[in-house]
PDB file of N, CA and C in Angstrom:
ATOM      1  N   MET A   1     -20.236 -23.463 -36.628  1.00  0.00           N
ATOM      2  CA  MET A   1     -19.248 -22.422 -36.473  1.00  0.00           C
ATOM      3  C   MET A   1     -19.856 -21.205 -35.787  1.00  0.00           C
ATOM      4  N   GLU A   2     -21.089 -20.881 -36.170  1.00  0.00           N
ATOM      5  CA  GLU A   2     -21.768 -19.735 -35.563  1.00  0.00           C
ATOM      6  C   GLU A   2     -22.000 -19.959 -34.080  1.00  0.00           C
ATOM      7  N   ALA A   3     -22.243 -21.198 -33.703  1.00  0.00           N
ATOM      8  CA  ALA A   3     -22.458 -21.522 -32.293  1.00  0.00           C
ATOM      9  C   ALA A   3     -21.190 -21.239 -31.486  1.00  0.00           C
ATOM     10  N   LEU A   4     -20.038 -21.551 -32.065  1.00  0.00           N
ATOM     11  CA  LEU A   4     -18.779 -21.284 -31.368  1.00  0.00           C
ATOM     12  C   LEU A   4     -18.538 -19.788 -31.210  1.00  0.00           C
ATOM     13  N   LEU A   5     -18.836 -19.010 -32.246  1.00  0.00           N
ATOM     14  CA  LEU A   5     -18.657 -17.557 -32.154  1.00  0.00           C
ATOM     15  C   LEU A   5     -19.606 -16.956 -31.127  1.00  0.00           C
ATOM     16  N   GLU A   6     -20.838 -17.479 -31.065  1.00  0.00           N
ATOM     17  CA  GLU A   6     -21.800 -16.993 -30.079  1.00  0.00           C
ATOM     18  C   GLU A   6     -21.337 -17.336 -28.664  1.00  0.00           C
ATOM     19  N   LYS A   7     -20.834 -18.525 -28.468  1.00  0.00           N
ATOM     20  CA  LYS A   7     -20.329 -18.966 -27.160  1.00  0.00           C
ATOM     21  C   LYS A   7     -19.122 -18.122 -26.756  1.00  0.00           C
ATOM     22  N   GLU A   8     -18.239 -17.821 -27.698  1.00  0.00           N
ATOM     23  CA  GLU A   8     -17.061 -17.006 -27.411  1.00  0.00           C
ATOM     24  C   GLU A   8     -17.461 -15.623 -26.919  1.00  0.00           C
ATOM     25  N   GLY A   9     -18.476 -15.041 -27.505  1.00  0.00           N
ATOM     26  CA  GLY A   9     -18.950 -13.726 -27.076  1.00  0.00           C
ATOM     27  C   GLY A   9     -19.462 -13.742 -25.654  1.00  0.00           C
ATOM     28  N   THR A  10     -20.171 -14.788 -25.247  1.00  0.00           N
ATOM     29  CA  THR A  10     -20.670 -14.863 -23.868  1.00  0.00           C
ATOM     30  C   THR A  10     -19.531 -15.105 -22.889  1.00  0.00           C
ATOM     31  N   VAL A  11     -18.547 -15.883 -23.294  1.00  0.00           N
ATOM     32  CA  VAL A  11     -17.396 -16.131 -22.410  1.00  0.00           C
ATOM     33  C   VAL A  11     -16.610 -14.839 -22.193  1.00  0.00           C
ATOM     34  N   GLU A  12     -16.394 -14.057 -23.254  1.00  0.00           N
ATOM     35  CA  GLU A  12     -15.670 -12.796 -23.100  1.00  0.00           C
ATOM     36  C   GLU A  12     -16.426 -11.852 -22.176  1.00  0.00           C
ATOM     37  N   GLY A  13     -17.760 -11.795 -22.320  1.00  0.00           N
ATOM     38  CA  GLY A  13     -18.558 -10.955 -21.429  1.00  0.00           C
ATOM     39  C   GLY A  13     -18.478 -11.439 -19.996  1.00  0.00           C
ATOM     40  N   TRP A  14     -18.496 -12.758 -19.822  1.00  0.00           N
ATOM     41  CA  TRP A  14     -18.408 -13.330 -18.480  1.00  0.00           C
ATOM     42  C   TRP A  14     -17.059 -12.993 -17.851  1.00  0.00           C
ATOM     43  N   ASN A  15     -15.989 -13.108 -18.628  1.00  0.00           N
ATOM     44  CA  ASN A  15     -14.661 -12.789 -18.114  1.00  0.00           C
ATOM     45  C   ASN A  15     -14.552 -11.316 -17.733  1.00  0.00           C
ATOM     46  N   ASP A  16     -15.117 -10.428 -18.564  1.00  0.00           N
ATOM     47  CA  ASP A  16     -15.093  -8.995 -18.238  1.00  0.00           C
ATOM     48  C   ASP A  16     -15.853  -8.713 -16.953  1.00  0.00           C
ATOM     49  N   GLU A  17     -16.997  -9.362 -16.787  1.00  0.00           N
ATOM     50  CA  GLU A  17     -17.781  -9.166 -15.570  1.00  0.00           C
ATOM     51  C   GLU A  17     -17.003  -9.652 -14.351  1.00  0.00           C
ATOM     52  N   ARG A  18     -16.357 -10.795 -14.466  1.00  0.00           N
ATOM     53  CA  ARG A  18     -15.572 -11.339 -13.348  1.00  0.00           C
ATOM     54  C   ARG A  18     -14.389 -10.431 -13.009  1.00  0.00           C
ATOM     55  N   MET A  19     -13.736  -9.901 -14.030  1.00  0.00           N
ATOM     56  CA  MET A  19     -12.614  -8.996 -13.783  1.00  0.00           C
ATOM     57  C   MET A  19     -13.082  -7.714 -13.101  1.00  0.00           C
ATOM     58  N   ASP A  20     -14.230  -7.193 -13.513  1.00  0.00           N
ATOM     59  CA  ASP A  20     -14.769  -6.001 -12.870  1.00  0.00           C
ATOM     60  C   ASP A  20     -15.112  -6.288 -11.411  1.00  0.00           C
ATOM     61  N   GLU A  21     -15.692  -7.453 -11.154  1.00  0.00           N
ATOM     62  CA  GLU A  21     -16.020  -7.825  -9.774  1.00  0.00           C
ATOM     63  C   GLU A  21     -14.747  -7.948  -8.937  1.00  0.00           C
ATOM     64  N   LEU A  22     -13.736  -8.583  -9.489  1.00  0.00           N
ATOM     65  CA  LEU A  22     -12.467  -8.724  -8.783  1.00  0.00           C
ATOM     66  C   LEU A  22     -11.855  -7.367  -8.489  1.00  0.00           C
ATOM     67  N   SER A  23     -11.891  -6.478  -9.449  1.00  0.00           N
ATOM     68  CA  SER A  23     -11.347  -5.138  -9.259  1.00  0.00           C
ATOM     69  C   SER A  23     -12.073  -4.405  -8.133  1.00  0.00           C
ATOM     70  N   ARG A  24     -13.401  -4.535  -8.092  1.00  0.00           N
ATOM     71  CA  ARG A  24     -14.167  -3.884  -7.016  1.00  0.00           C
ATOM     72  C   ARG A  24     -13.815  -4.473  -5.663  1.00  0.00           C
ATOM     73  N   ARG A  25     -13.649  -5.793  -5.611  1.00  0.00           N
ATOM     74  CA  ARG A  25     -13.313  -6.433  -4.332  1.00  0.00           C
ATOM     75  C   ARG A  25     -11.921  -6.027  -3.850  1.00  0.00           C
ATOM     76  N   VAL A  26     -10.973  -5.946  -4.769  1.00  0.00           N
ATOM     77  CA  VAL A  26      -9.614  -5.523  -4.395  1.00  0.00           C
ATOM     78  C   VAL A  26      -9.625  -4.086  -3.895  1.00  0.00           C
ATOM     79  N   ASP A  27     -10.337  -3.211  -4.615  1.00  0.00           N
ATOM     80  CA  ASP A  27     -10.430  -1.811  -4.178  1.00  0.00           C
ATOM     81  C   ASP A  27     -11.066  -1.709  -2.801  1.00  0.00           C
ATOM     82  N   ALA A  28     -12.127  -2.469  -2.574  1.00  0.00           N
ATOM     83  CA  ALA A  28     -12.788  -2.440  -1.267  1.00  0.00           C
ATOM     84  C   ALA A  28     -11.850  -2.943  -0.175  1.00  0.00           C
ATOM     85  N   GLY A  29     -11.072  -3.958  -0.484  1.00  0.00           N
ATOM     86  CA  GLY A  29     -10.124  -4.475   0.503  1.00  0.00           C
ATOM     87  C   GLY A  29      -9.068  -3.452   0.875  1.00  0.00           C
ATOM     88  N   PHE A  30      -8.545  -2.722  -0.125  1.00  0.00           N
ATOM     89  CA  PHE A  30      -7.546  -1.697   0.170  1.00  0.00           C
ATOM     90  C   PHE A  30      -8.151  -0.556   0.983  1.00  0.00           C
ATOM     91  N   GLU A  31      -9.386  -0.174   0.669  1.00  0.00           N
ATOM     92  CA  GLU A  31     -10.042   0.879   1.444  1.00  0.00           C
ATOM     93  C   GLU A  31     -10.238   0.430   2.884  1.00  0.00           C
ATOM     94  N   ARG A  32     -10.630  -0.815   3.065  1.00  0.00           N
ATOM     95  CA  ARG A  32     -10.839  -1.337   4.412  1.00  0.00           C
ATOM     96  C   ARG A  32      -9.524  -1.354   5.192  1.00  0.00           C
ATOM     97  N   MET A  33      -8.450  -1.739   4.532  1.00  0.00           N
ATOM     98  CA  MET A  33      -7.143  -1.761   5.196  1.00  0.00           C
ATOM     99  C   MET A  33      -6.719  -0.355   5.600  1.00  0.00           C
ATOM    100  N   ALA A  34      -6.936   0.596   4.728  1.00  0.00           N
ATOM    101  CA  ALA A  34      -6.509   1.967   5.014  1.00  0.00           C
ATOM    102  C   ALA A  34      -7.331   2.569   6.139  1.00  0.00           C
ATOM    103  N   THR A  35      -8.611   2.294   6.189  1.00  0.00           N
ATOM    104  CA  THR A  35      -9.453   2.920   7.202  1.00  0.00           C
ATOM    105  C   THR A  35      -9.277   2.266   8.565  1.00  0.00           C
ATOM    106  N   LYS A  36      -8.988   0.990   8.622  1.00  0.00           N
ATOM    107  CA  LYS A  36      -8.868   0.312   9.912  1.00  0.00           C
ATOM    108  C   LYS A  36      -7.488   0.470  10.534  1.00  0.00           C
ATOM    109  N   GLY A  37      -6.532   0.929   9.782  1.00  0.00           N
ATOM    110  CA  GLY A  37      -5.183   1.071  10.312  1.00  0.00           C
ATOM    111  C   GLY A  37      -4.491  -0.264  10.484  1.00  0.00           C
ATOM    112  N   GLU A  38      -5.017  -1.291   9.851  1.00  0.00           N
ATOM    113  CA  GLU A  38      -4.432  -2.624   9.960  1.00  0.00           C
ATOM    114  C   GLU A  38      -2.988  -2.640   9.456  1.00  0.00           C
ATOM    115  N   MET A  39      -2.755  -1.896   8.391  1.00  0.00           N
ATOM    116  CA  MET A  39      -1.417  -1.866   7.825  1.00  0.00           C
ATOM    117  C   MET A  39      -0.423  -1.261   8.823  1.00  0.00           C
ATOM    118  N   ASN A  40      -0.823  -0.183   9.490  1.00  0.00           N
ATOM    119  CA  ASN A  40       0.068   0.439  10.470  1.00  0.00           C
ATOM    120  C   ASN A  40       0.381  -0.511  11.613  1.00  0.00           C
ATOM    121  N   ARG A  41      -0.617  -1.270  12.053  1.00  0.00           N
ATOM    122  CA  ARG A  41      -0.399  -2.237  13.133  1.00  0.00           C
ATOM    123  C   ARG A  41       0.590  -3.302  12.685  1.00  0.00           C
ATOM    124  N   ARG A  42       0.449  -3.755  11.455  1.00  0.00           N
ATOM    125  CA  ARG A  42       1.359  -4.784  10.962  1.00  0.00           C
ATOM    126  C   ARG A  42       2.779  -4.256  10.819  1.00  0.00           C
ATOM    127  N   PHE A  43       2.926  -3.017  10.362  1.00  0.00           N
ATOM    128  CA  PHE A  43       4.262  -2.432  10.270  1.00  0.00           C
ATOM    129  C   PHE A  43       4.893  -2.296  11.652  1.00  0.00           C
ATOM    130  N   ARG A  44       4.112  -1.909  12.654  1.00  0.00           N
ATOM    131  CA  ARG A  44       4.646  -1.827  14.017  1.00  0.00           C
ATOM    132  C   ARG A  44       5.102  -3.196  14.499  1.00  0.00           C
ATOM    133  N   GLU A  45       4.352  -4.233  14.167  1.00  0.00           N
ATOM    134  CA  GLU A  45       4.717  -5.592  14.555  1.00  0.00           C
ATOM    135  C   GLU A  45       6.028  -6.008  13.880  1.00  0.00           C
ATOM    136  N   VAL A  46       6.182  -5.685  12.611  1.00  0.00           N
ATOM    137  CA  VAL A  46       7.427  -6.018  11.899  1.00  0.00           C
ATOM    138  C   VAL A  46       8.595  -5.243  12.505  1.00  0.00           C
ATOM    139  N   ASP A  47       8.387  -3.966  12.826  1.00  0.00           N
ATOM    140  CA  ASP A  47       9.448  -3.179  13.466  1.00  0.00           C
ATOM    141  C   ASP A  47       9.855  -3.789  14.793  1.00  0.00           C
ATOM    142  N   ARG A  48       8.873  -4.263  15.571  1.00  0.00           N
ATOM    143  CA  ARG A  48       9.182  -4.888  16.859  1.00  0.00           C
ATOM    144  C   ARG A  48      10.004  -6.155  16.651  1.00  0.00           C
ATOM    145  N   ARG A  49       9.644  -6.930  15.639  1.00  0.00           N
ATOM    146  CA  ARG A  49      10.399  -8.152  15.371  1.00  0.00           C
ATOM    147  C   ARG A  49      11.841  -7.848  14.970  1.00  0.00           C
ATOM    148  N   PHE A  50      12.029  -6.815  14.136  1.00  0.00           N
ATOM    149  CA  PHE A  50      13.387  -6.430  13.763  1.00  0.00           C
ATOM    150  C   PHE A  50      14.183  -5.964  14.978  1.00  0.00           C
ATOM    151  N   ASP A  51      13.540  -5.232  15.884  1.00  0.00           N
ATOM    152  CA  ASP A  51      14.218  -4.806  17.110  1.00  0.00           C
ATOM    153  C   ASP A  51      14.644  -6.012  17.934  1.00  0.00           C
ATOM    154  N   ASP A  52      13.776  -7.028  18.018  1.00  0.00           N
ATOM    155  CA  ASP A  52      14.129  -8.244  18.758  1.00  0.00           C
ATOM    156  C   ASP A  52      15.317  -8.949  18.120  1.00  0.00           C
ATOM    157  N   VAL A  53      15.331  -9.021  16.800  1.00  0.00           N
ATOM    158  CA  VAL A  53      16.440  -9.677  16.104  1.00  0.00           C
ATOM    159  C   VAL A  53      17.728  -8.883  16.313  1.00  0.00           C
ATOM    160  N   THR A  54      17.646  -7.558  16.220  1.00  0.00           N
ATOM    161  CA  THR A  54      18.819  -6.715  16.420  1.00  0.00           C
ATOM    162  C   THR A  54      19.379  -6.884  17.827  1.00  0.00           C
ATOM    163  N   PHE A  55      18.482  -6.926  18.822  1.00  0.00           N
ATOM    164  CA  PHE A  55      18.933  -7.124  20.200  1.00  0.00           C
ATOM    165  C   PHE A  55      19.588  -8.489  20.355  1.00  0.00           C
ATOM    166  N   GLY A  56      19.017  -9.512  19.717  1.00  0.00           N
ATOM    167  CA  GLY A  56      19.596 -10.856  19.790  1.00  0.00           C
ATOM    168  C   GLY A  56      20.979 -10.909  19.179  1.00  0.00           C
ATOM    169  N   ILE A  57      21.166 -10.240  18.056  1.00  0.00           N
ATOM    170  CA  ILE A  57      22.480 -10.224  17.412  1.00  0.00           C
ATOM    171  C   ILE A  57      23.483  -9.482  18.286  1.00  0.00           C
ATOM    172  N   ARG A  58      23.055  -8.359  18.869  1.00  0.00           N
ATOM    173  CA  ARG A  58      23.935  -7.595  19.751  1.00  0.00           C
ATOM    174  C   ARG A  58      24.331  -8.440  20.963  1.00  0.00           C
ATOM    175  N   SER A  59      23.360  -9.152  21.531  1.00  0.00           N
ATOM    176  CA  SER A  59      23.624 -10.006  22.680  1.00  0.00           C
ATOM    177  C   SER A  59      24.594 -11.124  22.312  1.00  0.00           C
ATOM    178  N   LEU A  60      24.425 -11.695  21.138  1.00  0.00           N
ATOM    179  CA  LEU A  60      25.324 -12.749  20.679  1.00  0.00           C
ATOM    180  C   LEU A  60      26.741 -12.207  20.503  1.00  0.00           C
ATOM    181  N   GLY A  61      26.876 -11.000  19.987  1.00  0.00           N
ATOM    182  CA  GLY A  61      28.185 -10.381  19.834  1.00  0.00           C
ATOM    183  C   GLY A  61      28.875 -10.181  21.180  1.00  0.00           C
ATOM    184  N   GLU A  62      28.100  -9.771  22.192  1.00  0.00           N
ATOM    185  CA  GLU A  62      28.674  -9.600  23.532  1.00  0.00           C
ATOM    186  C   GLU A  62      29.149 -10.935  24.092  1.00  0.00           C
ATOM    187  N   ARG A  63      28.416 -12.008  23.826  1.00  0.00           N
ATOM    188  CA  ARG A  63      28.836 -13.331  24.301  1.00  0.00           C
ATOM    189  C   ARG A  63      30.154 -13.755  23.651  1.00  0.00           C
ATOM    190  N   PHE A  64      30.280 -13.505  22.339  1.00  0.00           N
ATOM    191  CA  PHE A  64      31.532 -13.847  21.663  1.00  0.00           C
ATOM    192  C   PHE A  64      32.693 -13.020  22.211  1.00  0.00           C
ATOM    193  N   ASP A  65      32.454 -11.764  22.552  1.00  0.00           N
ATOM    194  CA  ASP A  65      33.508 -10.937  23.138  1.00  0.00           C
ATOM    195  C   ASP A  65      33.963 -11.514  24.477  1.00  0.00           C
ATOM    196  N   ARG A  66      33.015 -11.936  25.301  1.00  0.00           N
ATOM    197  CA  ARG A  66      33.392 -12.529  26.600  1.00  0.00           C
ATOM    198  C   ARG A  66      34.145 -13.837  26.410  1.00  0.00           C
ATOM    199  N   LEU A  67      33.716 -14.644  25.432  1.00  0.00           N
ATOM    200  CA  LEU A  67      34.410 -15.902  25.155  1.00  0.00           C
ATOM    201  C   LEU A  67      35.838 -15.632  24.696  1.00  0.00           C
ATOM    202  N   GLN A  68      36.004 -14.636  23.845  1.00  0.00           N
ATOM    203  CA  GLN A  68      37.333 -14.285  23.368  1.00  0.00           C
ATOM    204  C   GLN A  68      38.215 -13.835  24.533  1.00  0.00           C
ATOM    205  N   ASN A  69      37.680 -13.012  25.418  1.00  0.00           N
ATOM    206  CA  ASN A  69      38.461 -12.568  26.585  1.00  0.00           C
ATOM    207  C   ASN A  69      38.865 -13.750  27.458  1.00  0.00           C
ATOM    208  N   THR A  70      37.948 -14.671  27.677  1.00  0.00           N
ATOM    209  CA  THR A  70      38.250 -15.849  28.499  1.00  0.00           C
ATOM    210  C   THR A  70      39.333 -16.695  27.852  1.00  0.00           C
ATOM    211  N   LEU A  71      39.244 -16.895  26.542  1.00  0.00           N
ATOM    212  CA  LEU A  71      40.266 -17.686  25.853  1.00  0.00           C
ATOM    213  C   LEU A  71      41.625 -16.999  25.897  1.00  0.00           C
ATOM    214  N   MET A  72      41.651 -15.688  25.747  1.00  0.00           N
ATOM    215  CA  MET A  72      42.926 -14.957  25.811  1.00  0.00           C
ATOM    216  C   MET A  72      43.547 -15.070  27.199  1.00  0.00           C
ATOM    217  N   ILE A  73      42.748 -14.931  28.243  1.00  0.00           N
ATOM    218  CA  ILE A  73      43.271 -15.059  29.614  1.00  0.00           C
ATOM    219  C   ILE A  73      43.802 -16.471  29.836  1.00  0.00           C
ATOM    220  N   GLY A  74      43.065 -17.476  29.342  1.00  0.00           N
ATOM    221  CA  GLY A  74      43.538 -18.863  29.468  1.00  0.00           C
ATOM    222  C   GLY A  74      44.830 -19.088  28.715  1.00  0.00           C
ATOM    223  N   LEU A  75      44.944 -18.529  27.514  1.00  0.00           N
ATOM    224  CA  LEU A  75      46.162 -18.680  26.719  1.00  0.00           C
ATOM    225  C   LEU A  75      47.348 -18.025  27.417  1.00  0.00           C
ATOM    226  N   ILE A  76      47.128 -16.848  27.955  1.00  0.00           N
ATOM    227  CA  ILE A  76      48.213 -16.165  28.686  1.00  0.00           C
ATOM    228  C   ILE A  76      48.634 -17.007  29.888  1.00  0.00           C
ATOM    229  N   GLY A  77      47.650 -17.616  30.575  1.00  0.00           N
ATOM    230  CA  GLY A  77      47.978 -18.481  31.712  1.00  0.00           C
ATOM    231  C   GLY A  77      48.805 -19.683  31.307  1.00  0.00           C
ATOM    232  N   VAL A  78      48.453 -20.303  30.173  1.00  0.00           N
ATOM    233  CA  VAL A  78      49.193 -21.481  29.702  1.00  0.00           C
ATOM    234  C   VAL A  78      50.602 -21.081  29.291  1.00  0.00           C
ATOM    235  N   ILE A  79      50.745 -19.979  28.569  1.00  0.00           N
ATOM    236  CA  ILE A  79      52.081 -19.513  28.169  1.00  0.00           C
ATOM    237  C   ILE A  79      52.932 -19.190  29.391  1.00  0.00           C
ATOM    238  N   THR A  80      52.324 -18.542  30.369  1.00  0.00           N
ATOM    239  CA  THR A  80      53.065 -18.215  31.603  1.00  0.00           C
ATOM    240  C   THR A  80      53.511 -19.474  32.306  1.00  0.00           C
ATOM    241  N   ALA A  81      52.658 -20.493  32.365  1.00  0.00           N
ATOM    242  CA  ALA A  81      53.024 -21.763  33.019  1.00  0.00           C
ATOM    243  C   ALA A  81      54.161 -22.440  32.280  1.00  0.00           C
ATOM    244  N   ILE A  82      54.151 -22.410  30.946  1.00  0.00           N
ATOM    245  CA  ILE A  82      55.225 -23.029  30.164  1.00  0.00           C
ATOM    246  C   ILE A  82      56.535 -22.297  30.372  1.00  0.00           C
ATOM    247  N   VAL A  83      56.506 -20.981  30.370  1.00  0.00           N
ATOM    248  CA  VAL A  83      57.725 -20.182  30.585  1.00  0.00           C
ATOM    249  C   VAL A  83      58.247 -20.419  32.008  1.00  0.00           C
ATOM    250  N   ALA A  84      57.354 -20.416  32.983  1.00  0.00           N
ATOM    251  CA  ALA A  84      57.768 -20.645  34.385  1.00  0.00           C
ATOM    252  C   ALA A  84      58.383 -22.031  34.544  1.00  0.00           C
ATOM    253  N   ASN A  85      57.813 -23.018  33.867  1.00  0.00           N
ATOM    254  CA  ASN A  85      58.355 -24.370  33.937  1.00  0.00           C
ATOM    255  C   ASN A  85      59.742 -24.426  33.303  1.00  0.00           C
ATOM    256  N   GLY A  86      59.933 -23.652  32.230  1.00  0.00           N
ATOM    257  CA  GLY A  86      61.248 -23.630  31.592  1.00  0.00           C
ATOM    258  C   GLY A  86      62.291 -22.923  32.459  1.00  0.00           C
ATOM    259  N   ILE A  87      61.879 -21.919  33.183  1.00  0.00           N
ATOM    260  CA  ILE A  87      62.828 -21.187  34.018  1.00  0.00           C
ATOM    261  C   ILE A  87      63.139 -21.944  35.298  1.00  0.00           C
ATOM    262  N   TRP A  88      62.105 -22.410  35.993  1.00  0.00           N
ATOM    263  CA  TRP A  88      62.307 -23.018  37.306  1.00  0.00           C
ATOM    264  C   TRP A  88      62.124 -24.531  37.299  1.00  0.00           C
ATOM    265  N   GLY A  89      61.790 -25.055  36.143  1.00  0.00           N
ATOM    266  CA  GLY A  89      61.433 -26.453  36.087  1.00  0.00           C
ATOM    267  C   GLY A  89      62.522 -27.373  36.053  1.00  0.00           C
TER     268      GLY A  89
END
């Protein structure tokens, strides 16, 4: 039983040491990110991607507007042909 308690104490110390090491590595990583401006570059890249998506959606909307206009002109042409056929046909 004493052997298990002794082993448990070393495992807890090992876990604390590992957690401290992890904490130092995470802190160092955040400092490195802040000093290199990597985060700002990534945000600019995300902003550019959103701009591309927004432009694509706007372009798609313009295409649907042109399609709608074409269909309306075609419908008016068909209705006019049917009415003309009824009058002079």
